């Protein structure tokens, strides 16, 4: 385990992120919020920075897996570009945390950023990664960020979330385009349904941790009732329904486990 940090070298390499940057009034963040909310938001944005970093690792894996199956070159190029998107999102999240008073210490295992695919078939390895990252993770990120933006209570944080959302919608769409391109068997689809269900179950433990339980909502945090309702709605409409349209059925027991976790 190591403490999560971010570093940039600058120089010619910094140009790859500079084009994505936006001018924001960082000094205004949290000026009128309670100390309790600011402290809680610092943790939210620190964890967000790491989550975006891990998503960058996931898209690096996806890019390699798409190359291995001779996927359409525009999908491969998009996956590679999404790595840079996620590094930019990690930078934005870390800047929010610093503007709120500094990131909180976060111990992470950088050797386990991406859950590896288990299939020995190259196409299914790519499909597992794409379903887990794009069709579940990124597909759920978009509606939850929309909710966080509505409750931001800060023009700067609202602008940060808006900028991140600009990219995340495309990240989710890559998954649906890949599934529509891939020639999958019924057995493949059944396996991917279980992969998606397992990924959904993994979110159960974070319900209480990702919502406001005493420090208030805002600055990127949501109250529990709003978080739970929006998340479960997104699971059904943005993940389960769209997978089912492609013959990939998420086991009902996995969805029920999420509902139980939110109860």
C-alpha atoms as a PDB file:
ATOM      1  CA  UNK A   1       0.000   0.000   0.000  1.00  0.00           C
ATOM      2  CA  UNK A   2       1.158   3.544  -0.680  1.00  0.00           C
ATOM      3  CA  UNK A   3      -0.212   7.050  -0.137  1.00  0.00           C
ATOM      4  CA  UNK A   4      -1.893   8.265  -3.323  1.00  0.00           C
ATOM      5  CA  UNK A   5      -0.194  11.288  -4.887  1.00  0.00           C
ATOM      6  CA  UNK A   6      -0.181  12.948  -8.295  1.00  0.00           C
ATOM      7  CA  UNK A   7       2.848  14.444 -10.056  1.00  0.00           C
ATOM      8  CA  UNK A   8       3.373  16.251 -13.360  1.00  0.00           C
ATOM      9  CA  UNK A   9       6.685  16.956 -15.093  1.00  0.00           C
ATOM     10  CA  UNK A  10       5.497  19.889 -17.174  1.00  0.00           C
ATOM     11  CA  UNK A  11       7.535  21.071 -20.150  1.00  0.00           C
ATOM     12  CA  UNK A  12       6.456  19.667 -23.533  1.00  0.00           C
ATOM     13  CA  UNK A  13       4.560  16.861 -21.789  1.00  0.00           C
ATOM     14  CA  UNK A  14       2.285  19.312 -20.009  1.00  0.00           C
ATOM     15  CA  UNK A  15       0.835  20.400 -23.347  1.00  0.00           C
ATOM     16  CA  UNK A  16      -1.105  17.144 -23.577  1.00  0.00           C
ATOM     17  CA  UNK A  17      -3.274  18.187 -20.644  1.00  0.00           C
ATOM     18  CA  UNK A  18      -3.061  21.974 -21.072  1.00  0.00           C
ATOM     19  CA  UNK A  19      -5.430  21.941 -24.036  1.00  0.00           C
ATOM     20  CA  UNK A  20      -8.129  20.437 -21.824  1.00  0.00           C
ATOM     21  CA  UNK A  21      -7.803  22.920 -18.966  1.00  0.00           C
ATOM     22  CA  UNK A  22     -10.379  25.572 -18.142  1.00  0.00           C
ATOM     23  CA  UNK A  23      -9.975  28.811 -16.196  1.00  0.00           C
ATOM     24  CA  UNK A  24     -11.793  28.625 -12.882  1.00  0.00           C
ATOM     25  CA  UNK A  25     -11.943  30.679  -9.677  1.00  0.00           C
ATOM     26  CA  UNK A  26     -10.449  28.078  -7.356  1.00  0.00           C
ATOM     27  CA  UNK A  27     -10.303  30.471  -4.418  1.00  0.00           C
ATOM     28  CA  UNK A  28     -14.115  30.659  -4.256  1.00  0.00           C
ATOM     29  CA  UNK A  29     -14.681  26.972  -3.490  1.00  0.00           C
ATOM     30  CA  UNK A  30     -16.268  26.307  -0.134  1.00  0.00           C
ATOM     31  CA  UNK A  31     -16.089  29.933   1.010  1.00  0.00           C
ATOM     32  CA  UNK A  32     -19.585  29.841   2.519  1.00  0.00           C
ATOM     33  CA  UNK A  33     -19.780  26.155   3.458  1.00  0.00           C
ATOM     34  CA  UNK A  34     -19.561  24.755   6.962  1.00  0.00           C
ATOM     35  CA  UNK A  35     -16.203  23.342   8.117  1.00  0.00           C
ATOM     36  CA  UNK A  36     -17.842  19.926   8.430  1.00  0.00           C
ATOM     37  CA  UNK A  37     -19.017  19.954   4.817  1.00  0.00           C
ATOM     38  CA  UNK A  38     -15.642  21.190   3.586  1.00  0.00           C
ATOM     39  CA  UNK A  39     -13.863  18.387   5.438  1.00  0.00           C
ATOM     40  CA  UNK A  40     -16.235  15.784   4.017  1.00  0.00           C
ATOM     41  CA  UNK A  41     -15.890  17.236   0.511  1.00  0.00           C
ATOM     42  CA  UNK A  42     -12.107  17.050   0.723  1.00  0.00           C
ATOM     43  CA  UNK A  43     -12.422  13.299   1.157  1.00  0.00           C
ATOM     44  CA  UNK A  44     -14.952  13.005  -1.681  1.00  0.00           C
ATOM     45  CA  UNK A  45     -12.676  14.822  -4.116  1.00  0.00           C
ATOM     46  CA  UNK A  46      -9.552  12.968  -2.973  1.00  0.00           C
ATOM     47  CA  UNK A  47     -11.313   9.674  -3.637  1.00  0.00           C
ATOM     48  CA  UNK A  48     -12.595  11.073  -6.924  1.00  0.00           C
ATOM     49  CA  UNK A  49      -9.028  11.839  -8.010  1.00  0.00           C
ATOM     50  CA  UNK A  50      -8.009   8.249  -7.315  1.00  0.00           C
ATOM     51  CA  UNK A  51     -11.115   6.867  -9.024  1.00  0.00           C
ATOM     52  CA  UNK A  52     -10.326   8.853 -12.164  1.00  0.00           C
ATOM     53  CA  UNK A  53      -6.708   7.662 -12.009  1.00  0.00           C
ATOM     54  CA  UNK A  54      -7.886   4.052 -11.786  1.00  0.00           C
ATOM     55  CA  UNK A  55     -10.246   4.644 -14.709  1.00  0.00           C
ATOM     56  CA  UNK A  56      -7.236   5.779 -16.732  1.00  0.00           C
ATOM     57  CA  UNK A  57      -5.598   2.432 -15.994  1.00  0.00           C
ATOM     58  CA  UNK A  58      -8.790   0.651 -17.064  1.00  0.00           C
ATOM     59  CA  UNK A  59      -8.885   2.417 -20.417  1.00  0.00           C
ATOM     60  CA  UNK A  60      -5.212   1.626 -20.968  1.00  0.00           C
ATOM     61  CA  UNK A  61      -6.101  -2.049 -20.515  1.00  0.00           C
ATOM     62  CA  UNK A  62      -9.126  -1.687 -22.782  1.00  0.00           C
ATOM     63  CA  UNK A  63      -7.026  -0.051 -25.482  1.00  0.00           C
ATOM     64  CA  UNK A  64      -4.576  -2.949 -25.451  1.00  0.00           C
ATOM     65  CA  UNK A  65      -7.382  -5.512 -25.482  1.00  0.00           C
ATOM     66  CA  UNK A  66      -9.069  -3.819 -28.452  1.00  0.00           C
ATOM     67  CA  UNK A  67      -5.800  -3.910 -30.373  1.00  0.00           C
ATOM     68  CA  UNK A  68      -5.546  -7.634 -29.652  1.00  0.00           C
ATOM     69  CA  UNK A  69      -8.899  -8.336 -31.347  1.00  0.00           C
ATOM     70  CA  UNK A  70      -8.432  -5.992 -34.315  1.00  0.00           C
ATOM     71  CA  UNK A  71     -11.331  -3.811 -33.198  1.00  0.00           C
ATOM     72  CA  UNK A  72     -12.287  -0.792 -35.317  1.00  0.00           C
ATOM     73  CA  UNK A  73      -9.399   1.643 -35.228  1.00  0.00           C
ATOM     74  CA  UNK A  74     -11.585   4.561 -34.194  1.00  0.00           C
ATOM     75  CA  UNK A  75     -12.714   2.670 -31.088  1.00  0.00           C
ATOM     76  CA  UNK A  76      -9.082   1.840 -30.290  1.00  0.00           C
ATOM     77  CA  UNK A  77      -8.071   5.481 -30.731  1.00  0.00           C
ATOM     78  CA  UNK A  78     -10.925   6.621 -28.508  1.00  0.00           C
ATOM     79  CA  UNK A  79      -9.942   4.234 -25.713  1.00  0.00           C
ATOM     80  CA  UNK A  80      -6.374   5.514 -25.855  1.00  0.00           C
ATOM     81  CA  UNK A  81      -7.545   9.122 -25.767  1.00  0.00           C
ATOM     82  CA  UNK A  82      -9.765   8.369 -22.784  1.00  0.00           C
ATOM     83  CA  UNK A  83      -6.639   7.641 -20.714  1.00  0.00           C
ATOM     84  CA  UNK A  84      -5.667  11.297 -21.109  1.00  0.00           C
ATOM     85  CA  UNK A  85      -9.230  12.351 -20.294  1.00  0.00           C
ATOM     86  CA  UNK A  86      -9.088  10.466 -17.013  1.00  0.00           C
ATOM     87  CA  UNK A  87      -5.697  11.959 -16.075  1.00  0.00           C
ATOM     88  CA  UNK A  88      -7.218  15.382 -16.653  1.00  0.00           C
ATOM     89  CA  UNK A  89     -10.193  14.473 -14.466  1.00  0.00           C
ATOM     90  CA  UNK A  90      -7.794  13.289 -11.756  1.00  0.00           C
ATOM     91  CA  UNK A  91      -6.049  16.643 -11.987  1.00  0.00           C
ATOM     92  CA  UNK A  92      -9.332  18.556 -11.746  1.00  0.00           C
ATOM     93  CA  UNK A  93     -10.470  16.517  -8.745  1.00  0.00           C
ATOM     94  CA  UNK A  94      -7.155  17.028  -6.981  1.00  0.00           C
ATOM     95  CA  UNK A  95      -7.315  20.777  -7.596  1.00  0.00           C
ATOM     96  CA  UNK A  96     -10.769  20.894  -6.010  1.00  0.00           C
ATOM     97  CA  UNK A  97      -9.449  18.974  -2.986  1.00  0.00           C
ATOM     98  CA  UNK A  98      -6.487  21.342  -2.671  1.00  0.00           C
ATOM     99  CA  UNK A  99      -8.726  24.413  -2.990  1.00  0.00           C
ATOM    100  CA  UNK A 100     -10.854  23.048  -0.136  1.00  0.00           C
ATOM    101  CA  UNK A 101      -7.827  22.808   2.115  1.00  0.00           C
ATOM    102  CA  UNK A 102      -5.884  19.830   0.850  1.00  0.00           C
ATOM    103  CA  UNK A 103      -6.350  16.200  -0.059  1.00  0.00           C
ATOM    104  CA  UNK A 104      -6.827  13.647   2.709  1.00  0.00           C
ATOM    105  CA  UNK A 105      -4.313  10.782   3.090  1.00  0.00           C
ATOM    106  CA  UNK A 106      -5.459   7.861   0.984  1.00  0.00           C
ATOM    107  CA  UNK A 107      -3.655   4.521   1.039  1.00  0.00           C
ATOM    108  CA  UNK A 108      -3.970   2.658  -2.246  1.00  0.00           C
ATOM    109  CA  UNK A 109      -2.610  -0.428  -3.963  1.00  0.00           C
ATOM    110  CA  UNK A 110      -1.400   0.742  -7.360  1.00  0.00           C
ATOM    111  CA  UNK A 111      -0.777  -2.846  -8.454  1.00  0.00           C
ATOM    112  CA  UNK A 112      -4.523  -3.553  -8.325  1.00  0.00           C
ATOM    113  CA  UNK A 113      -6.000  -0.608 -10.205  1.00  0.00           C
ATOM    114  CA  UNK A 114      -7.862  -2.792 -12.684  1.00  0.00           C
ATOM    115  CA  UNK A 115      -9.618  -6.070 -12.027  1.00  0.00           C
ATOM    116  CA  UNK A 116      -8.195  -8.395 -14.683  1.00  0.00           C
ATOM    117  CA  UNK A 117     -10.381 -10.229 -17.160  1.00  0.00           C
ATOM    118  CA  UNK A 118     -10.572 -13.969 -16.522  1.00  0.00           C
ATOM    119  CA  UNK A 119     -11.400 -15.260 -20.004  1.00  0.00           C
ATOM    120  CA  UNK A 120      -8.665 -16.777 -22.154  1.00  0.00           C
ATOM    121  CA  UNK A 121     -10.472 -15.705 -25.342  1.00  0.00           C
ATOM    122  CA  UNK A 122      -9.167 -12.295 -26.552  1.00  0.00           C
ATOM    123  CA  UNK A 123     -12.584 -11.021 -27.598  1.00  0.00           C
ATOM    124  CA  UNK A 124     -14.140 -11.958 -24.277  1.00  0.00           C
ATOM    125  CA  UNK A 125     -11.235 -10.449 -22.360  1.00  0.00           C
ATOM    126  CA  UNK A 126     -11.926  -7.160 -24.140  1.00  0.00           C
ATOM    127  CA  UNK A 127     -15.666  -7.545 -23.574  1.00  0.00           C
ATOM    128  CA  UNK A 128     -15.242  -8.164 -19.843  1.00  0.00           C
ATOM    129  CA  UNK A 129     -13.138  -5.027 -19.442  1.00  0.00           C
ATOM    130  CA  UNK A 130     -15.493  -2.929 -21.563  1.00  0.00           C
ATOM    131  CA  UNK A 131     -18.642  -4.096 -19.774  1.00  0.00           C
ATOM    132  CA  UNK A 132     -17.171  -3.568 -16.319  1.00  0.00           C
ATOM    133  CA  UNK A 133     -15.628  -0.158 -17.087  1.00  0.00           C
ATOM    134  CA  UNK A 134     -17.895   1.436 -19.688  1.00  0.00           C
ATOM    135  CA  UNK A 135     -21.280  -0.258 -19.451  1.00  0.00           C
ATOM    136  CA  UNK A 136     -21.338  -0.286 -15.650  1.00  0.00           C
ATOM    137  CA  UNK A 137     -18.798   2.102 -14.116  1.00  0.00           C
ATOM    138  CA  UNK A 138     -18.918   4.974 -16.590  1.00  0.00           C
ATOM    139  CA  UNK A 139     -22.617   4.498 -17.317  1.00  0.00           C
ATOM    140  CA  UNK A 140     -23.356   5.011 -13.614  1.00  0.00           C
ATOM    141  CA  UNK A 141     -20.922   7.908 -13.277  1.00  0.00           C
ATOM    142  CA  UNK A 142     -22.800  10.134 -15.715  1.00  0.00           C
ATOM    143  CA  UNK A 143     -26.202  10.300 -13.921  1.00  0.00           C
ATOM    144  CA  UNK A 144     -24.541  10.554 -10.498  1.00  0.00           C
ATOM    145  CA  UNK A 145     -22.382  13.452 -11.638  1.00  0.00           C
ATOM    146  CA  UNK A 146     -25.499  15.137 -12.986  1.00  0.00           C
ATOM    147  CA  UNK A 147     -27.062  14.876  -9.528  1.00  0.00           C
ATOM    148  CA  UNK A 148     -23.890  16.201  -7.865  1.00  0.00           C
ATOM    149  CA  UNK A 149     -23.829  19.140 -10.263  1.00  0.00           C
ATOM    150  CA  UNK A 150     -27.408  20.084  -9.399  1.00  0.00           C
ATOM    151  CA  UNK A 151     -26.534  20.085  -5.685  1.00  0.00           C
ATOM    152  CA  UNK A 152     -23.046  21.596  -6.008  1.00  0.00           C
ATOM    153  CA  UNK A 153     -23.744  24.902  -4.238  1.00  0.00           C
ATOM    154  CA  UNK A 154     -20.583  26.293  -5.854  1.00  0.00           C
ATOM    155  CA  UNK A 155     -20.234  27.736  -9.349  1.00  0.00           C
ATOM    156  CA  UNK A 156     -16.663  26.476  -9.561  1.00  0.00           C
ATOM    157  CA  UNK A 157     -17.524  22.911  -8.571  1.00  0.00           C
ATOM    158  CA  UNK A 158     -20.504  23.020 -10.909  1.00  0.00           C
ATOM    159  CA  UNK A 159     -18.124  24.009 -13.718  1.00  0.00           C
ATOM    160  CA  UNK A 160     -15.675  21.237 -12.786  1.00  0.00           C
ATOM    161  CA  UNK A 161     -18.397  18.591 -12.859  1.00  0.00           C
ATOM    162  CA  UNK A 162     -19.742  19.954 -16.151  1.00  0.00           C
ATOM    163  CA  UNK A 163     -16.286  19.652 -17.697  1.00  0.00           C
ATOM    164  CA  UNK A 164     -15.832  16.086 -16.457  1.00  0.00           C
ATOM    165  CA  UNK A 165     -19.304  15.135 -17.722  1.00  0.00           C
ATOM    166  CA  UNK A 166     -18.350  16.302 -21.201  1.00  0.00           C
ATOM    167  CA  UNK A 167     -15.929  13.378 -21.407  1.00  0.00           C
ATOM    168  CA  UNK A 168     -17.663  10.734 -19.293  1.00  0.00           C
ATOM    169  CA  UNK A 169     -20.680  10.480 -21.569  1.00  0.00           C
ATOM    170  CA  UNK A 170     -18.367   9.441 -24.416  1.00  0.00           C
ATOM    171  CA  UNK A 171     -16.602   6.948 -22.160  1.00  0.00           C
ATOM    172  CA  UNK A 172     -19.854   5.161 -21.456  1.00  0.00           C
ATOM    173  CA  UNK A 173     -20.861   5.168 -25.122  1.00  0.00           C
ATOM    174  CA  UNK A 174     -17.717   3.276 -26.140  1.00  0.00           C
ATOM    175  CA  UNK A 175     -19.097   0.230 -24.336  1.00  0.00           C
ATOM    176  CA  UNK A 176     -22.354   0.144 -26.287  1.00  0.00           C
ATOM    177  CA  UNK A 177     -20.582   0.658 -29.627  1.00  0.00           C
ATOM    178  CA  UNK A 178     -18.175  -2.177 -28.816  1.00  0.00           C
ATOM    179  CA  UNK A 179     -20.980  -4.580 -27.886  1.00  0.00           C
ATOM    180  CA  UNK A 180     -22.855  -3.708 -31.066  1.00  0.00           C
ATOM    181  CA  UNK A 181     -19.701  -4.460 -33.091  1.00  0.00           C
ATOM    182  CA  UNK A 182     -18.571  -7.650 -31.337  1.00  0.00           C
ATOM    183  CA  UNK A 183     -19.868 -11.022 -32.544  1.00  0.00           C
ATOM    184  CA  UNK A 184     -20.900 -12.659 -29.276  1.00  0.00           C
ATOM    185  CA  UNK A 185     -22.470 -16.055 -28.652  1.00  0.00           C
ATOM    186  CA  UNK A 186     -25.320 -16.702 -26.239  1.00  0.00           C
ATOM    187  CA  UNK A 187     -22.786 -18.157 -23.800  1.00  0.00           C
ATOM    188  CA  UNK A 188     -20.676 -15.010 -24.139  1.00  0.00           C
ATOM    189  CA  UNK A 189     -23.689 -12.852 -23.347  1.00  0.00           C
ATOM    190  CA  UNK A 190     -24.577 -14.959 -20.317  1.00  0.00           C
ATOM    191  CA  UNK A 191     -21.021 -14.586 -19.030  1.00  0.00           C
ATOM    192  CA  UNK A 192     -21.075 -10.823 -19.542  1.00  0.00           C
ATOM    193  CA  UNK A 193     -24.358 -10.614 -17.651  1.00  0.00           C
ATOM    194  CA  UNK A 194     -22.620 -12.194 -14.676  1.00  0.00           C
ATOM    195  CA  UNK A 195     -19.636  -9.853 -15.101  1.00  0.00           C
ATOM    196  CA  UNK A 196     -21.969  -6.844 -15.021  1.00  0.00           C
ATOM    197  CA  UNK A 197     -23.845  -8.225 -12.011  1.00  0.00           C
ATOM    198  CA  UNK A 198     -20.636  -8.773 -10.083  1.00  0.00           C
ATOM    199  CA  UNK A 199     -19.529  -5.227 -10.908  1.00  0.00           C
ATOM    200  CA  UNK A 200     -22.855  -3.853  -9.675  1.00  0.00           C
ATOM    201  CA  UNK A 201     -22.608  -5.799  -6.421  1.00  0.00           C
ATOM    202  CA  UNK A 202     -19.274  -4.116  -5.824  1.00  0.00           C
ATOM    203  CA  UNK A 203     -21.036  -0.775  -5.433  1.00  0.00           C
ATOM    204  CA  UNK A 204     -23.126  -1.973  -2.502  1.00  0.00           C
ATOM    205  CA  UNK A 205     -20.477  -1.177   0.088  1.00  0.00           C
ATOM    206  CA  UNK A 206     -20.196   2.481  -0.918  1.00  0.00           C
ATOM    207  CA  UNK A 207     -23.819   3.561  -0.467  1.00  0.00           C
ATOM    208  CA  UNK A 208     -23.374   5.028   2.998  1.00  0.00           C
ATOM    209  CA  UNK A 209     -19.895   6.373   2.273  1.00  0.00           C
ATOM    210  CA  UNK A 210     -20.857   8.432  -0.783  1.00  0.00           C
ATOM    211  CA  UNK A 211     -23.710  10.437   0.713  1.00  0.00           C
ATOM    212  CA  UNK A 212     -24.060  13.115   3.368  1.00  0.00           C
ATOM    213  CA  UNK A 213     -24.914  11.750   6.814  1.00  0.00           C
ATOM    214  CA  UNK A 214     -24.468  14.755   9.078  1.00  0.00           C
ATOM    215  CA  UNK A 215     -22.135  17.236   7.427  1.00  0.00           C
ATOM    216  CA  UNK A 216     -24.683  18.383   4.863  1.00  0.00           C
ATOM    217  CA  UNK A 217     -24.865  18.081   1.089  1.00  0.00           C
ATOM    218  CA  UNK A 218     -23.104  20.140  -1.558  1.00  0.00           C
ATOM    219  CA  UNK A 219     -19.566  20.677  -2.885  1.00  0.00           C
ATOM    220  CA  UNK A 220     -19.870  17.361  -4.715  1.00  0.00           C
ATOM    221  CA  UNK A 221     -21.684  15.436  -1.966  1.00  0.00           C
ATOM    222  CA  UNK A 222     -25.270  14.226  -2.041  1.00  0.00           C
ATOM    223  CA  UNK A 223     -27.651  13.415   0.792  1.00  0.00           C
ATOM    224  CA  UNK A 224     -28.313   9.709   1.236  1.00  0.00           C
ATOM    225  CA  UNK A 225     -31.904   9.714   0.015  1.00  0.00           C
ATOM    226  CA  UNK A 226     -31.007  11.504  -3.209  1.00  0.00           C
ATOM    227  CA  UNK A 227     -27.901   9.399  -3.793  1.00  0.00           C
ATOM    228  CA  UNK A 228     -29.643   6.066  -3.244  1.00  0.00           C
ATOM    229  CA  UNK A 229     -32.655   6.879  -5.417  1.00  0.00           C
ATOM    230  CA  UNK A 230     -30.550   8.288  -8.273  1.00  0.00           C
ATOM    231  CA  UNK A 231     -28.095   5.400  -8.158  1.00  0.00           C
ATOM    232  CA  UNK A 232     -30.712   2.650  -8.221  1.00  0.00           C
ATOM    233  CA  UNK A 233     -32.591   4.431 -10.996  1.00  0.00           C
ATOM    234  CA  UNK A 234     -29.358   4.616 -13.016  1.00  0.00           C
ATOM    235  CA  UNK A 235     -28.663   0.921 -12.409  1.00  0.00           C
ATOM    236  CA  UNK A 236     -32.002  -0.031 -13.930  1.00  0.00           C
ATOM    237  CA  UNK A 237     -32.200   2.497 -16.761  1.00  0.00           C
ATOM    238  CA  UNK A 238     -28.587   3.114 -17.750  1.00  0.00           C
ATOM    239  CA  UNK A 239     -27.084  -0.327 -17.168  1.00  0.00           C
ATOM    240  CA  UNK A 240     -29.535  -3.240 -16.851  1.00  0.00           C
ATOM    241  CA  UNK A 241     -31.962  -2.010 -19.527  1.00  0.00           C
ATOM    242  CA  UNK A 242     -29.295  -1.180 -22.113  1.00  0.00           C
ATOM    243  CA  UNK A 243     -27.468  -4.459 -21.559  1.00  0.00           C
ATOM    244  CA  UNK A 244     -30.744  -6.370 -21.913  1.00  0.00           C
ATOM    245  CA  UNK A 245     -31.337  -4.690 -25.273  1.00  0.00           C
ATOM    246  CA  UNK A 246     -28.159  -6.460 -26.406  1.00  0.00           C
ATOM    247  CA  UNK A 247     -29.155  -9.833 -24.984  1.00  0.00           C
ATOM    248  CA  UNK A 248     -26.991  -9.464 -21.877  1.00  0.00           C
ATOM    249  CA  UNK A 249     -29.117 -10.175 -18.825  1.00  0.00           C
ATOM    250  CA  UNK A 250     -27.894  -9.077 -15.406  1.00  0.00           C
ATOM    251  CA  UNK A 251     -28.935 -11.627 -12.746  1.00  0.00           C
ATOM    252  CA  UNK A 252     -31.833 -10.270 -10.698  1.00  0.00           C
ATOM    253  CA  UNK A 253     -30.087 -11.368  -7.492  1.00  0.00           C
ATOM    254  CA  UNK A 254     -27.280  -8.874  -8.137  1.00  0.00           C
ATOM    255  CA  UNK A 255     -29.702  -5.982  -8.560  1.00  0.00           C
ATOM    256  CA  UNK A 256     -31.656  -7.108  -5.492  1.00  0.00           C
ATOM    257  CA  UNK A 257     -28.418  -7.080  -3.478  1.00  0.00           C
ATOM    258  CA  UNK A 258     -27.931  -3.412  -4.328  1.00  0.00           C
ATOM    259  CA  UNK A 259     -31.487  -2.563  -3.346  1.00  0.00           C
ATOM    260  CA  UNK A 260     -30.941  -4.340  -0.036  1.00  0.00           C
ATOM    261  CA  UNK A 261     -27.729  -2.396   0.566  1.00  0.00           C
ATOM    262  CA  UNK A 262     -29.582   0.875   0.058  1.00  0.00           C
ATOM    263  CA  UNK A 263     -32.448  -0.063   2.382  1.00  0.00           C
END
